Amino acid sequence: MSLTPEQVLAAHKANLETLFGLTNKAFEGVEKLVELNVTASRAALSEVSSHTQAVLSAKDAQELLSLQANLFQPLAEKTLAYSRHLYEIASGTGAEFGKAFEAQAAEAQRTFGNLVDTAAKNAPAGSETTVAVFKSAVSAANNALESVQKAVKQASDVAEANFNAVASSAANAAKTAVAAAPRKR
């Protein structure tokens, strides 16, 4: 069976729509990243300015040490928040790409399955065994692809859980360190 020009044109059109959709999603991710970095830079600049003013107006060494000690906990919390936002942007953009890949893969599997079925119907007499073996191979390949997709999803979920656990541990460690700092004087 051969493809008609209309089918080829429709497939190219669908591929171009997918490409442009993914390009838009990539640009949205970059825009979000730039916005996050600009916001974080503005906030950091403002905080450095006010902290510098506070340091310059400190009356004694005790007040200066207190200012320095109080600087670290908010810094750790903001770093953690930045990391979470960055991860959300990356995982959201990655999820969009994953959805597009899954949709394309499902469509390709469906089209190929239809092609195999059509070829099997038009196969010469006596080729039933060959057709059955071929269909079995296609089915096994489809099952393998589904298994890989499930494994990638599970790995992604584990990575997200690990990221959240590390971020939480880092925040707790920063809070503990800041709380212990004034007692060391």
Protein backbone atom coordinates (compact mmCIF):
# COMPACT_ATOMS: atom_id res chain seq x y z
CA MET A 1 0.00 0.00 0.00
CA SER A 2 1.31 3.45 -0.84
CA LEU A 3 0.43 6.73 0.73
CA THR A 4 -1.62 9.25 -1.19
CA PRO A 5 -0.33 12.78 -1.67
CA GLU A 6 -3.09 14.01 0.67
CA GLN A 7 -1.91 11.65 3.42
CA VAL A 8 1.71 12.77 3.00
CA LEU A 9 0.63 16.44 3.05
CA ALA A 10 -1.50 15.86 6.16
CA ALA A 11 1.42 14.12 7.91
CA HIS A 12 3.79 16.98 7.06
CA LYS A 13 1.23 19.54 8.23
CA ALA A 14 0.78 17.69 11.54
CA ASN A 15 4.56 17.48 12.00
CA LEU A 16 4.96 21.21 11.35
CA GLU A 17 2.17 22.04 13.80
CA THR A 18 3.89 19.89 16.41
CA LEU A 19 7.24 21.55 15.69
CA PHE A 20 5.79 25.05 16.03
CA GLY A 21 3.92 24.05 19.17
CA LEU A 22 7.09 22.70 20.76
CA THR A 23 9.03 25.78 19.67
CA ASN A 24 6.43 27.98 21.37
CA LYS A 25 6.64 25.87 24.54
CA ALA A 26 10.44 26.17 24.51
CA PHE A 27 10.21 29.94 24.15
CA GLU A 28 7.64 30.10 26.97
CA GLY A 29 10.09 28.19 29.17
CA VAL A 30 12.91 30.58 28.26
CA GLU A 31 10.65 33.58 28.94
CA LYS A 32 9.76 32.20 32.36
CA LEU A 33 13.43 31.57 33.10
CA VAL A 34 14.40 35.11 32.07
CA GLU A 35 11.55 36.55 34.14
CA LEU A 36 12.63 34.50 37.17
CA ASN A 37 16.24 35.63 36.81
CA VAL A 38 15.31 39.30 36.38
CA THR A 39 13.04 39.15 39.42
CA ALA A 40 15.68 37.38 41.50
CA SER A 41 18.37 39.85 40.40
CA ARG A 42 16.21 42.86 41.28
CA ALA A 43 15.39 41.41 44.67
CA ALA A 44 19.04 40.56 45.35
CA LEU A 45 20.17 44.05 44.37
CA SER A 46 17.57 45.65 46.62
CA GLU A 47 18.50 43.39 49.53
CA VAL A 48 22.23 44.01 49.09
CA SER A 49 21.56 47.74 49.08
CA SER A 50 19.52 47.69 52.28
CA HIS A 51 21.91 45.26 53.98
CA THR A 52 24.86 47.47 53.05
CA GLN A 53 23.06 50.48 54.52
CA ALA A 54 22.36 48.53 57.71
CA VAL A 55 26.00 47.39 57.95
CA LEU A 56 27.26 50.94 57.41
CA SER A 57 24.98 52.24 60.14
CA ALA A 58 25.96 49.54 62.67
CA LYS A 59 27.06 51.10 65.95
CA ASP A 60 29.26 48.30 67.27
CA ALA A 61 30.74 44.90 66.42
CA GLN A 62 27.91 43.04 68.21
CA GLU A 63 25.29 44.69 66.01
CA LEU A 64 27.42 43.99 62.91
CA LEU A 65 27.72 40.27 63.82
CA SER A 66 23.99 40.12 64.42
CA LEU A 67 23.29 41.67 61.02
CA GLN A 68 25.60 39.17 59.32
CA ALA A 69 24.06 36.21 61.15
CA ASN A 70 20.55 37.30 60.24
CA LEU A 71 21.51 37.55 56.57
CA PHE A 72 22.01 33.82 56.00
CA GLN A 73 18.59 32.30 56.77
CA PRO A 74 16.64 34.49 54.34
CA LEU A 75 19.39 33.93 51.77
CA ALA A 76 19.08 30.15 52.11
CA GLU A 77 15.29 30.32 51.90
CA LYS A 78 15.43 32.52 48.80
CA THR A 79 17.97 30.23 47.17
CA LEU A 80 15.66 27.31 47.88
CA ALA A 81 12.66 29.18 46.44
CA TYR A 82 14.68 30.09 43.34
CA SER A 83 15.70 26.45 42.89
CA ARG A 84 12.09 25.32 43.20
CA HIS A 85 10.92 27.86 40.62
CA LEU A 86 13.72 26.83 38.29
CA TYR A 87 12.81 23.16 38.71
CA GLU A 88 9.11 23.91 38.08
CA ILE A 89 9.93 25.74 34.87
CA ALA A 90 12.21 22.95 33.65
CA SER A 91 9.85 20.14 34.59
CA GLY A 92 6.82 21.94 33.12
CA THR A 93 8.58 22.51 29.83
CA GLY A 94 9.89 18.93 29.84
CA ALA A 95 6.40 17.62 30.54
CA GLU A 96 5.05 19.51 27.52
CA PHE A 97 7.75 17.97 25.33
CA GLY A 98 6.98 14.55 26.80
CA LYS A 99 3.27 14.90 26.05
CA ALA A 100 4.03 15.87 22.47
CA PHE A 101 6.40 12.92 22.08
CA GLU A 102 3.83 10.51 23.49
CA ALA A 103 1.13 11.86 21.19
CA GLN A 104 3.40 11.58 18.15
CA ALA A 105 4.51 8.09 19.15
CA ALA A 106 0.91 6.96 19.64
CA GLU A 107 -0.07 8.37 16.26
CA ALA A 108 2.91 6.71 14.58
CA GLN A 109 2.05 3.39 16.25
CA ARG A 110 -1.56 3.67 15.12
CA THR A 111 -0.59 4.54 11.55
CA PHE A 112 1.97 1.76 11.38
CA GLY A 113 -0.54 -0.71 12.85
CA ASN A 114 -3.07 0.28 10.20
CA LEU A 115 -0.43 -0.13 7.51
CA VAL A 116 0.45 -3.61 8.82
CA ASP A 117 -3.21 -4.61 8.95
CA THR A 118 -3.78 -3.40 5.40
CA ALA A 119 -0.68 -5.20 4.18
CA ALA A 120 -1.78 -8.38 5.99
CA LYS A 121 -5.19 -8.27 4.31
CA ASN A 122 -3.55 -7.94 0.91
CA ALA A 123 -0.82 -10.52 1.57
CA PRO A 124 -0.68 -13.50 -0.79
CA ALA A 125 -2.13 -16.81 0.33
CA GLY A 126 0.21 -18.92 2.44
CA SER A 127 1.94 -15.95 4.11
CA GLU A 128 -0.20 -16.06 7.25
CA THR A 129 2.72 -17.27 9.40
CA THR A 130 4.98 -14.47 8.20
CA VAL A 131 2.23 -11.90 8.79
CA ALA A 132 1.60 -13.28 12.30
CA VAL A 133 5.31 -13.11 13.14
CA PHE A 134 5.49 -9.54 11.83
CA LYS A 135 2.40 -8.49 13.83
CA SER A 136 3.89 -10.11 16.92
CA ALA A 137 7.13 -8.16 16.42
CA VAL A 138 5.19 -4.90 16.03
CA SER A 139 3.19 -5.66 19.17
CA ALA A 140 6.38 -6.43 21.11
CA ALA A 141 7.95 -3.15 19.93
CA ASN A 142 4.85 -1.23 21.02
CA ASN A 143 4.94 -2.91 24.43
CA ALA A 144 8.64 -2.09 24.78
CA LEU A 145 7.97 1.56 23.95
CA GLU A 146 5.20 1.72 26.53
CA SER A 147 7.51 0.16 29.12
CA VAL A 148 10.21 2.74 28.37
CA GLN A 149 7.67 5.57 28.68
CA LYS A 150 6.51 4.23 32.05
CA ALA A 151 10.11 3.86 33.26
CA VAL A 152 10.91 7.45 32.23
CA LYS A 153 7.80 8.68 34.07
CA GLN A 154 8.78 6.75 37.20
CA ALA A 155 12.36 8.06 37.03
CA SER A 156 11.02 11.59 36.66
CA ASP A 157 8.77 11.13 39.70
CA VAL A 158 11.68 9.76 41.75
CA ALA A 159 13.92 12.66 40.67
CA GLU A 160 11.24 15.16 41.70
CA ALA A 161 10.79 13.47 45.08
CA ASN A 162 14.57 13.47 45.61
CA PHE A 163 14.79 17.14 44.66
CA ASN A 164 12.05 18.03 47.14
CA ALA A 165 13.72 15.98 49.88
CA VAL A 166 17.13 17.59 49.29
CA ALA A 167 15.59 21.06 49.15
CA SER A 168 13.74 20.46 52.41
CA SER A 169 16.89 19.11 54.09
CA ALA A 170 18.90 22.10 52.88
CA ALA A 171 16.29 24.52 54.22
CA ASN A 172 16.25 22.77 57.59
CA ALA A 173 20.05 22.73 57.74
CA ALA A 174 20.18 26.45 56.94
CA LYS A 175 17.62 27.22 59.64
CA THR A 176 19.56 25.13 62.16
CA ALA A 177 22.85 26.81 61.24
CA VAL A 178 21.37 30.30 61.53
CA ALA A 179 19.70 29.47 64.82
CA ALA A 180 22.99 28.12 66.20
CA ALA A 181 25.10 31.05 64.96
CA PRO A 182 24.14 33.62 67.63
CA ARG A 183 24.82 31.09 70.40
CA LYS A 184 28.44 30.62 69.28
CA ARG A 185 29.40 34.17 70.25
